[in-house]
Amino acid sequence: ADEVGGARSEELASQIIMEILNEAFVNLQEEDAE
């Protein structure tokens, strides 16, 4: 995840996205990749 040029708080947004995706992906049980 990367910043959107010049927007405020984009570093926080990219960190939050990665933290939530990490947690969600580890805990998800769906078999279908999509």
PDB file of all heavy atoms in Angstrom:
ATOM      1  N   ALA A   1       0.874  -1.175   0.000  1.00  0.00           N
ATOM      2  CA  ALA A   1       0.000   0.000   0.000  1.00  0.00           C
ATOM      3  C   ALA A   1       0.906   1.218   0.000  1.00  0.00           C
ATOM      4  O   ALA A   1       1.935   1.230   0.683  1.00  0.00           O
ATOM      5  CB  ALA A   1      -0.912   0.009   1.224  1.00  0.00           C
ATOM      6  N   ASP A   2       0.548   2.218  -0.759  1.00  0.00           N
ATOM      7  CA  ASP A   2       1.388   3.404  -0.861  1.00  0.00           C
ATOM      8  C   ASP A   2       0.523   4.651  -0.776  1.00  0.00           C
ATOM      9  O   ASP A   2      -0.685   4.612  -1.009  1.00  0.00           O
ATOM     10  CB  ASP A   2       2.170   3.368  -2.172  1.00  0.00           C
ATOM     11  CG  ASP A   2       3.450   4.194  -2.128  1.00  0.00           C
ATOM     12  OD1 ASP A   2       3.768   4.770  -1.076  1.00  0.00           O
ATOM     13  OD2 ASP A   2       4.135   4.257  -3.159  1.00  0.00           O
ATOM     14  N   GLU A   3       1.177   5.745  -0.465  1.00  0.00           N
ATOM     15  CA  GLU A   3       0.482   7.014  -0.305  1.00  0.00           C
ATOM     16  C   GLU A   3      -0.155   7.490  -1.594  1.00  0.00           C
ATOM     17  O   GLU A   3       0.233   7.086  -2.671  1.00  0.00           O
ATOM     18  CB  GLU A   3       1.456   8.063   0.218  1.00  0.00           C
ATOM     19  CG  GLU A   3       2.697   8.256  -0.652  1.00  0.00           C
ATOM     20  CD  GLU A   3       2.563   9.281  -1.749  1.00  0.00           C
ATOM     21  OE1 GLU A   3       1.607  10.079  -1.751  1.00  0.00           O
ATOM     22  OE2 GLU A   3       3.415   9.284  -2.628  1.00  0.00           O
ATOM     23  N   VAL A   4      -1.145   8.353  -1.444  1.00  0.00           N
ATOM     24  CA  VAL A   4      -1.751   9.039  -2.576  1.00  0.00           C
ATOM     25  C   VAL A   4      -1.143  10.431  -2.584  1.00  0.00           C
ATOM     26  O   VAL A   4      -1.330  11.189  -1.639  1.00  0.00           O
ATOM     27  CB  VAL A   4      -3.293   9.107  -2.446  1.00  0.00           C
ATOM     28  CG1 VAL A   4      -3.888   9.919  -3.581  1.00  0.00           C
ATOM     29  CG2 VAL A   4      -3.869   7.711  -2.404  1.00  0.00           C
ATOM     30  N   GLY A   5      -0.380  10.728  -3.613  1.00  0.00           N
ATOM     31  CA  GLY A   5       0.449  11.928  -3.699  1.00  0.00           C
ATOM     32  C   GLY A   5      -0.121  13.185  -3.086  1.00  0.00           C
ATOM     33  O   GLY A   5      -1.094  13.727  -3.564  1.00  0.00           O
ATOM     34  N   GLY A   6       0.512  13.627  -2.007  1.00  0.00           N
ATOM     35  CA  GLY A   6       0.183  14.894  -1.394  1.00  0.00           C
ATOM     36  C   GLY A   6      -0.975  14.870  -0.419  1.00  0.00           C
ATOM     37  O   GLY A   6      -1.231  15.856   0.260  1.00  0.00           O
ATOM     38  N   ALA A   7      -1.718  13.773  -0.300  1.00  0.00           N
ATOM     39  CA  ALA A   7      -2.833  13.725   0.638  1.00  0.00           C
ATOM     40  C   ALA A   7      -2.298  13.654   2.066  1.00  0.00           C
ATOM     41  O   ALA A   7      -1.204  13.179   2.304  1.00  0.00           O
ATOM     42  CB  ALA A   7      -3.719  12.510   0.340  1.00  0.00           C
ATOM     43  N   ARG A   8      -3.079  14.145   3.031  1.00  0.00           N
ATOM     44  CA  ARG A   8      -2.667  14.092   4.433  1.00  0.00           C
ATOM     45  C   ARG A   8      -2.925  12.707   4.994  1.00  0.00           C
ATOM     46  O   ARG A   8      -3.867  12.046   4.625  1.00  0.00           O
ATOM     47  CB  ARG A   8      -3.450  15.128   5.231  1.00  0.00           C
ATOM     48  CG  ARG A   8      -3.105  16.549   4.855  1.00  0.00           C
ATOM     49  CD  ARG A   8      -3.958  17.551   5.560  1.00  0.00           C
ATOM     50  NE  ARG A   8      -4.187  17.178   6.957  1.00  0.00           N
ATOM     51  CZ  ARG A   8      -4.971  17.845   7.776  1.00  0.00           C
ATOM     52  NH1 ARG A   8      -5.607  18.887   7.338  1.00  0.00           N
ATOM     53  NH2 ARG A   8      -5.134  17.466   9.015  1.00  0.00           N
ATOM     54  N   SER A   9      -2.079  12.270   5.893  1.00  0.00           N
ATOM     55  CA  SER A   9      -2.261  11.035   6.657  1.00  0.00           C
ATOM     56  C   SER A   9      -2.149   9.769   5.819  1.00  0.00           C
ATOM     57  O   SER A   9      -2.616   8.723   6.222  1.00  0.00           O
ATOM     58  CB  SER A   9      -3.622  11.042   7.362  1.00  0.00           C
ATOM     59  OG  SER A   9      -3.791  12.201   8.097  1.00  0.00           O
ATOM     60  N   GLU A  10      -1.497   9.850   4.629  1.00  0.00           N
ATOM     61  CA  GLU A  10      -1.428   8.679   3.783  1.00  0.00           C
ATOM     62  C   GLU A  10      -0.525   7.594   4.346  1.00  0.00           C
ATOM     63  O   GLU A  10      -0.762   6.418   4.129  1.00  0.00           O
ATOM     64  CB  GLU A  10      -1.044   9.015   2.344  1.00  0.00           C
ATOM     65  CG  GLU A  10       0.169   9.870   2.108  1.00  0.00           C
ATOM     66  CD  GLU A  10      -0.003  11.336   2.424  1.00  0.00           C
ATOM     67  OE1 GLU A  10      -0.631  12.073   1.686  1.00  0.00           O
ATOM     68  OE2 GLU A  10       0.564  11.741   3.443  1.00  0.00           O
ATOM     69  N   GLU A  11       0.502   7.978   5.094  1.00  0.00           N
ATOM     70  CA  GLU A  11       1.352   6.955   5.702  1.00  0.00           C
ATOM     71  C   GLU A  11       0.525   6.125   6.673  1.00  0.00           C
ATOM     72  O   GLU A  11       0.632   4.901   6.723  1.00  0.00           O
ATOM     73  CB  GLU A  11       2.543   7.578   6.419  1.00  0.00           C
ATOM     74  CG  GLU A  11       3.459   6.540   7.043  1.00  0.00           C
ATOM     75  CD  GLU A  11       4.678   7.157   7.681  1.00  0.00           C
ATOM     76  OE1 GLU A  11       4.828   8.389   7.677  1.00  0.00           O
ATOM     77  OE2 GLU A  11       5.486   6.382   8.207  1.00  0.00           O
ATOM     78  N   LEU A  12      -0.319   6.791   7.441  1.00  0.00           N
ATOM     79  CA  LEU A  12      -1.205   6.091   8.369  1.00  0.00           C
ATOM     80  C   LEU A  12      -2.160   5.174   7.611  1.00  0.00           C
ATOM     81  O   LEU A  12      -2.367   4.026   8.001  1.00  0.00           O
ATOM     82  CB  LEU A  12      -1.999   7.096   9.210  1.00  0.00           C
ATOM     83  CG  LEU A  12      -2.978   6.515  10.215  1.00  0.00           C
ATOM     84  CD1 LEU A  12      -2.252   5.632  11.222  1.00  0.00           C
ATOM     85  CD2 LEU A  12      -3.729   7.636  10.913  1.00  0.00           C
ATOM     86  N   ALA A  13      -2.699   5.647   6.503  1.00  0.00           N
ATOM     87  CA  ALA A  13      -3.628   4.834   5.712  1.00  0.00           C
ATOM     88  C   ALA A  13      -2.942   3.570   5.205  1.00  0.00           C
ATOM     89  O   ALA A  13      -3.500   2.476   5.305  1.00  0.00           O
ATOM     90  CB  ALA A  13      -4.183   5.637   4.533  1.00  0.00           C
ATOM     91  N   SER A  14      -1.734   3.701   4.678  1.00  0.00           N
ATOM     92  CA  SER A  14      -1.053   2.511   4.150  1.00  0.00           C
ATOM     93  C   SER A  14      -0.712   1.534   5.270  1.00  0.00           C
ATOM     94  O   SER A  14      -0.813   0.318   5.095  1.00  0.00           O
ATOM     95  CB  SER A  14       0.197   2.888   3.346  1.00  0.00           C
ATOM     96  OG  SER A  14       1.213   3.409   4.170  1.00  0.00           O
ATOM     97  N   GLN A  15      -0.346   2.039   6.446  1.00  0.00           N
ATOM     98  CA  GLN A  15      -0.055   1.159   7.582  1.00  0.00           C
ATOM     99  C   GLN A  15      -1.312   0.439   8.058  1.00  0.00           C
ATOM    100  O   GLN A  15      -1.283  -0.763   8.341  1.00  0.00           O
ATOM    101  CB  GLN A  15       0.548   1.954   8.736  1.00  0.00           C
ATOM    102  CG  GLN A  15       1.950   2.426   8.477  1.00  0.00           C
ATOM    103  CD  GLN A  15       2.448   3.370   9.561  1.00  0.00           C
ATOM    104  OE1 GLN A  15       1.715   3.758  10.466  1.00  0.00           O
ATOM    105  NE2 GLN A  15       3.699   3.754   9.456  1.00  0.00           N
ATOM    106  N   ILE A  16      -2.412   1.162   8.132  1.00  0.00           N
ATOM    107  CA  ILE A  16      -3.677   0.560   8.580  1.00  0.00           C
ATOM    108  C   ILE A  16      -4.120  -0.518   7.596  1.00  0.00           C
ATOM    109  O   ILE A  16      -4.530  -1.617   7.997  1.00  0.00           O
ATOM    110  CB  ILE A  16      -4.770   1.634   8.743  1.00  0.00           C
ATOM    111  CG1 ILE A  16      -4.445   2.518   9.948  1.00  0.00           C
ATOM    112  CG2 ILE A  16      -6.149   0.995   8.908  1.00  0.00           C
ATOM    113  CD1 ILE A  16      -5.304   3.761  10.034  1.00  0.00           C
ATOM    114  N   ILE A  17      -4.031  -0.226   6.315  1.00  0.00           N
ATOM    115  CA  ILE A  17      -4.412  -1.213   5.302  1.00  0.00           C
ATOM    116  C   ILE A  17      -3.607  -2.488   5.487  1.00  0.00           C
ATOM    117  O   ILE A  17      -4.153  -3.593   5.505  1.00  0.00           O
ATOM    118  CB  ILE A  17      -4.222  -0.652   3.880  1.00  0.00           C
ATOM    119  CG1 ILE A  17      -5.268   0.426   3.588  1.00  0.00           C
ATOM    120  CG2 ILE A  17      -4.304  -1.766   2.832  1.00  0.00           C
ATOM    121  CD1 ILE A  17      -4.994   1.212   2.330  1.00  0.00           C
ATOM    122  N   MET A  18      -2.298  -2.363   5.641  1.00  0.00           N
ATOM    123  CA  MET A  18      -1.454  -3.555   5.782  1.00  0.00           C
ATOM    124  C   MET A  18      -1.753  -4.319   7.067  1.00  0.00           C
ATOM    125  O   MET A  18      -1.812  -5.552   7.066  1.00  0.00           O
ATOM    126  CB  MET A  18       0.028  -3.180   5.718  1.00  0.00           C
ATOM    127  CG  MET A  18       0.488  -2.756   4.345  1.00  0.00           C
ATOM    128  SD  MET A  18       0.273  -4.014   3.051  1.00  0.00           S
ATOM    129  CE  MET A  18      -1.240  -3.477   2.279  1.00  0.00           C
ATOM    130  N   GLU A  19      -1.976  -3.606   8.176  1.00  0.00           N
ATOM    131  CA  GLU A  19      -2.291  -4.281   9.438  1.00  0.00           C
ATOM    132  C   GLU A  19      -3.605  -5.056   9.340  1.00  0.00           C
ATOM    133  O   GLU A  19      -3.698  -6.208   9.770  1.00  0.00           O
ATOM    134  CB  GLU A  19      -2.353  -3.265  10.579  1.00  0.00           C
ATOM    135  CG  GLU A  19      -1.001  -2.730  10.983  1.00  0.00           C
ATOM    136  CD  GLU A  19      -1.088  -1.597  12.000  1.00  0.00           C
ATOM    137  OE1 GLU A  19      -2.156  -1.400  12.609  1.00  0.00           O
ATOM    138  OE2 GLU A  19      -0.068  -0.922  12.178  1.00  0.00           O
ATOM    139  N   ILE A  20      -4.624  -4.421   8.771  1.00  0.00           N
ATOM    140  CA  ILE A  20      -5.931  -5.076   8.677  1.00  0.00           C
ATOM    141  C   ILE A  20      -5.887  -6.228   7.687  1.00  0.00           C
ATOM    142  O   ILE A  20      -6.425  -7.310   7.948  1.00  0.00           O
ATOM    143  CB  ILE A  20      -7.018  -4.052   8.307  1.00  0.00           C
ATOM    144  CG1 ILE A  20      -7.216  -3.089   9.480  1.00  0.00           C
ATOM    145  CG2 ILE A  20      -8.330  -4.748   7.948  1.00  0.00           C
ATOM    146  CD1 ILE A  20      -8.064  -1.901   9.171  1.00  0.00           C
ATOM    147  N   LEU A  21      -5.240  -6.030   6.541  1.00  0.00           N
ATOM    148  CA  LEU A  21      -5.120  -7.116   5.571  1.00  0.00           C
ATOM    149  C   LEU A  21      -4.348  -8.289   6.159  1.00  0.00           C
ATOM    150  O   LEU A  21      -4.731  -9.444   5.969  1.00  0.00           O
ATOM    151  CB  LEU A  21      -4.434  -6.636   4.298  1.00  0.00           C
ATOM    152  CG  LEU A  21      -5.311  -5.846   3.342  1.00  0.00           C
ATOM    153  CD1 LEU A  21      -4.456  -5.225   2.253  1.00  0.00           C
ATOM    154  CD2 LEU A  21      -6.385  -6.720   2.746  1.00  0.00           C
ATOM    155  N   ASN A  22      -3.284  -7.997   6.874  1.00  0.00           N
ATOM    156  CA  ASN A  22      -2.502  -9.049   7.510  1.00  0.00           C
ATOM    157  C   ASN A  22      -3.377  -9.858   8.464  1.00  0.00           C
ATOM    158  O   ASN A  22      -3.449 -11.090   8.372  1.00  0.00           O
ATOM    159  CB  ASN A  22      -1.316  -8.428   8.254  1.00  0.00           C
ATOM    160  CG  ASN A  22      -0.398  -9.452   8.864  1.00  0.00           C
ATOM    161  OD1 ASN A  22      -0.208 -10.541   8.338  1.00  0.00           O
ATOM    162  ND2 ASN A  22       0.178  -9.102   9.996  1.00  0.00           N
ATOM    163  N   GLU A  23      -4.061  -9.171   9.364  1.00  0.00           N
ATOM    164  CA  GLU A  23      -4.920  -9.849  10.336  1.00  0.00           C
ATOM    165  C   GLU A  23      -6.064 -10.593   9.649  1.00  0.00           C
ATOM    166  O   GLU A  23      -6.343 -11.753   9.962  1.00  0.00           O
ATOM    167  CB  GLU A  23      -5.484  -8.837  11.327  1.00  0.00           C
ATOM    168  CG  GLU A  23      -6.366  -9.466  12.379  1.00  0.00           C
ATOM    169  CD  GLU A  23      -6.909  -8.431  13.356  1.00  0.00           C
ATOM    170  OE1 GLU A  23      -6.217  -7.442  13.648  1.00  0.00           O
ATOM    171  OE2 GLU A  23      -8.045  -8.633  13.804  1.00  0.00           O
ATOM    172  N   ALA A  24      -6.715  -9.929   8.714  1.00  0.00           N
ATOM    173  CA  ALA A  24      -7.855 -10.547   8.033  1.00  0.00           C
ATOM    174  C   ALA A  24      -7.415 -11.773   7.245  1.00  0.00           C
ATOM    175  O   ALA A  24      -8.061 -12.818   7.295  1.00  0.00           O
ATOM    176  CB  ALA A  24      -8.536  -9.536   7.105  1.00  0.00           C
ATOM    177  N   PHE A  25      -6.308 -11.662   6.549  1.00  0.00           N
ATOM    178  CA  PHE A  25      -5.870 -12.772   5.715  1.00  0.00           C
ATOM    179  C   PHE A  25      -5.459 -13.969   6.560  1.00  0.00           C
ATOM    180  O   PHE A  25      -5.727 -15.113   6.203  1.00  0.00           O
ATOM    181  CB  PHE A  25      -4.726 -12.349   4.792  1.00  0.00           C
ATOM    182  CG  PHE A  25      -4.895 -12.878   3.416  1.00  0.00           C
ATOM    183  CD1 PHE A  25      -5.703 -12.232   2.512  1.00  0.00           C
ATOM    184  CD2 PHE A  25      -4.284 -14.052   3.036  1.00  0.00           C
ATOM    185  CE1 PHE A  25      -5.894 -12.739   1.241  1.00  0.00           C
ATOM    186  CE2 PHE A  25      -4.466 -14.571   1.770  1.00  0.00           C
ATOM    187  CZ  PHE A  25      -5.267 -13.905   0.870  1.00  0.00           C
ATOM    188  N   VAL A  26      -4.829 -13.716   7.684  1.00  0.00           N
ATOM    189  CA  VAL A  26      -4.430 -14.805   8.579  1.00  0.00           C
ATOM    190  C   VAL A  26      -5.659 -15.507   9.152  1.00  0.00           C
ATOM    191  O   VAL A  26      -5.689 -16.733   9.279  1.00  0.00           O
ATOM    192  CB  VAL A  26      -3.532 -14.275   9.714  1.00  0.00           C
ATOM    193  CG1 VAL A  26      -3.361 -15.300  10.822  1.00  0.00           C
ATOM    194  CG2 VAL A  26      -2.175 -13.868   9.167  1.00  0.00           C
ATOM    195  N   ASN A  27      -6.709 -14.751   9.468  1.00  0.00           N
ATOM    196  CA  ASN A  27      -7.875 -15.303  10.155  1.00  0.00           C
ATOM    197  C   ASN A  27      -9.010 -15.755   9.246  1.00  0.00           C
ATOM    198  O   ASN A  27      -9.933 -16.411   9.713  1.00  0.00           O
ATOM    199  CB  ASN A  27      -8.414 -14.286  11.166  1.00  0.00           C
ATOM    200  CG  ASN A  27      -7.414 -14.041  12.265  1.00  0.00           C
ATOM    201  OD1 ASN A  27      -6.783 -14.968  12.767  1.00  0.00           O
ATOM    202  ND2 ASN A  27      -7.242 -12.790  12.641  1.00  0.00           N
ATOM    203  N   LEU A  28      -8.971 -15.403   7.967  1.00  0.00           N
ATOM    204  CA  LEU A  28     -10.067 -15.773   7.063  1.00  0.00           C
ATOM    205  C   LEU A  28     -10.080 -17.263   6.787  1.00  0.00           C
ATOM    206  O   LEU A  28      -9.037 -17.900   6.688  1.00  0.00           O
ATOM    207  CB  LEU A  28      -9.948 -15.014   5.743  1.00  0.00           C
ATOM    208  CG  LEU A  28     -10.309 -13.539   5.795  1.00  0.00           C
ATOM    209  CD1 LEU A  28     -10.052 -12.888   4.448  1.00  0.00           C
ATOM    210  CD2 LEU A  28     -11.753 -13.345   6.207  1.00  0.00           C
ATOM    211  N   GLN A  29     -11.276 -17.790   6.623  1.00  0.00           N
ATOM    212  CA  GLN A  29     -11.431 -19.213   6.362  1.00  0.00           C
ATOM    213  C   GLN A  29     -11.901 -19.507   4.937  1.00  0.00           C
ATOM    214  O   GLN A  29     -11.999 -20.665   4.560  1.00  0.00           O
ATOM    215  CB  GLN A  29     -12.435 -19.816   7.361  1.00  0.00           C
ATOM    216  CG  GLN A  29     -12.013 -19.660   8.805  1.00  0.00           C
ATOM    217  CD  GLN A  29     -10.667 -20.303   9.087  1.00  0.00           C
ATOM    218  OE1 GLN A  29     -10.413 -21.425   8.696  1.00  0.00           O
ATOM    219  NE2 GLN A  29      -9.784 -19.579   9.752  1.00  0.00           N
ATOM    220  N   GLU A  30     -12.221 -18.466   4.149  1.00  0.00           N
ATOM    221  CA  GLU A  30     -12.706 -18.688   2.793  1.00  0.00           C
ATOM    222  C   GLU A  30     -11.692 -19.492   1.992  1.00  0.00           C
ATOM    223  O   GLU A  30     -10.506 -19.215   2.031  1.00  0.00           O
ATOM    224  CB  GLU A  30     -12.977 -17.362   2.058  1.00  0.00           C
ATOM    225  CG  GLU A  30     -14.233 -16.662   2.470  1.00  0.00           C
ATOM    226  CD  GLU A  30     -13.994 -15.662   3.588  1.00  0.00           C
ATOM    227  OE1 GLU A  30     -12.959 -15.745   4.265  1.00  0.00           O
ATOM    228  OE2 GLU A  30     -14.873 -14.818   3.795  1.00  0.00           O
ATOM    229  N   GLU A  31     -12.165 -20.485   1.279  1.00  0.00           N
ATOM    230  CA  GLU A  31     -11.290 -21.315   0.454  1.00  0.00           C
ATOM    231  C   GLU A  31     -11.047 -20.671  -0.912  1.00  0.00           C
ATOM    232  O   GLU A  31      -9.988 -20.820  -1.478  1.00  0.00           O
ATOM    233  CB  GLU A  31     -11.892 -22.713   0.274  1.00  0.00           C
ATOM    234  CG  GLU A  31     -11.919 -23.512   1.554  1.00  0.00           C
ATOM    235  CD  GLU A  31     -10.533 -23.779   2.125  1.00  0.00           C
ATOM    236  OE1 GLU A  31      -9.607 -24.074   1.342  1.00  0.00           O
ATOM    237  OE2 GLU A  31     -10.377 -23.679   3.356  1.00  0.00           O
ATOM    238  N   ASP A  32     -12.051 -19.984  -1.439  1.00  0.00           N
ATOM    239  CA  ASP A  32     -11.936 -19.354  -2.743  1.00  0.00           C
ATOM    240  C   ASP A  32     -10.998 -18.156  -2.663  1.00  0.00           C
ATOM    241  O   ASP A  32     -11.178 -17.266  -1.823  1.00  0.00           O
ATOM    242  CB  ASP A  32     -13.317 -18.916  -3.242  1.00  0.00           C
ATOM    243  CG  ASP A  32     -13.239 -18.266  -4.599  1.00  0.00           C
ATOM    244  OD1 ASP A  32     -13.046 -18.999  -5.589  1.00  0.00           O
ATOM    245  OD2 ASP A  32     -13.345 -17.025  -4.664  1.00  0.00           O
ATOM    246  N   ALA A  33      -9.989 -18.119  -3.537  1.00  0.00           N
ATOM    247  CA  ALA A  33      -8.971 -17.061  -3.500  1.00  0.00           C
ATOM    248  C   ALA A  33      -9.576 -15.673  -3.683  1.00  0.00           C
ATOM    249  O   ALA A  33      -9.223 -14.738  -2.970  1.00  0.00           O
ATOM    250  CB  ALA A  33      -7.927 -17.324  -4.579  1.00  0.00           C
ATOM    251  N   GLU A  34     -10.508 -15.540  -4.629  1.00  0.00           N
ATOM    252  CA  GLU A  34     -11.103 -14.229  -4.880  1.00  0.00           C
ATOM    253  C   GLU A  34     -11.930 -13.765  -3.689  1.00  0.00           C
ATOM    254  O   GLU A  34     -11.885 -12.590  -3.323  1.00  0.00           O
ATOM    255  CB  GLU A  34     -11.941 -14.260  -6.154  1.00  0.00           C
ATOM    256  CG  GLU A  34     -11.091 -14.347  -7.395  1.00  0.00           C
ATOM    257  CD  GLU A  34     -11.912 -14.324  -8.670  1.00  0.00           C
ATOM    258  OE1 GLU A  34     -13.014 -13.745  -8.677  1.00  0.00           O
ATOM    259  OE2 GLU A  34     -11.442 -14.892  -9.670  1.00  0.00           O
TER     260      GLU A  34
END
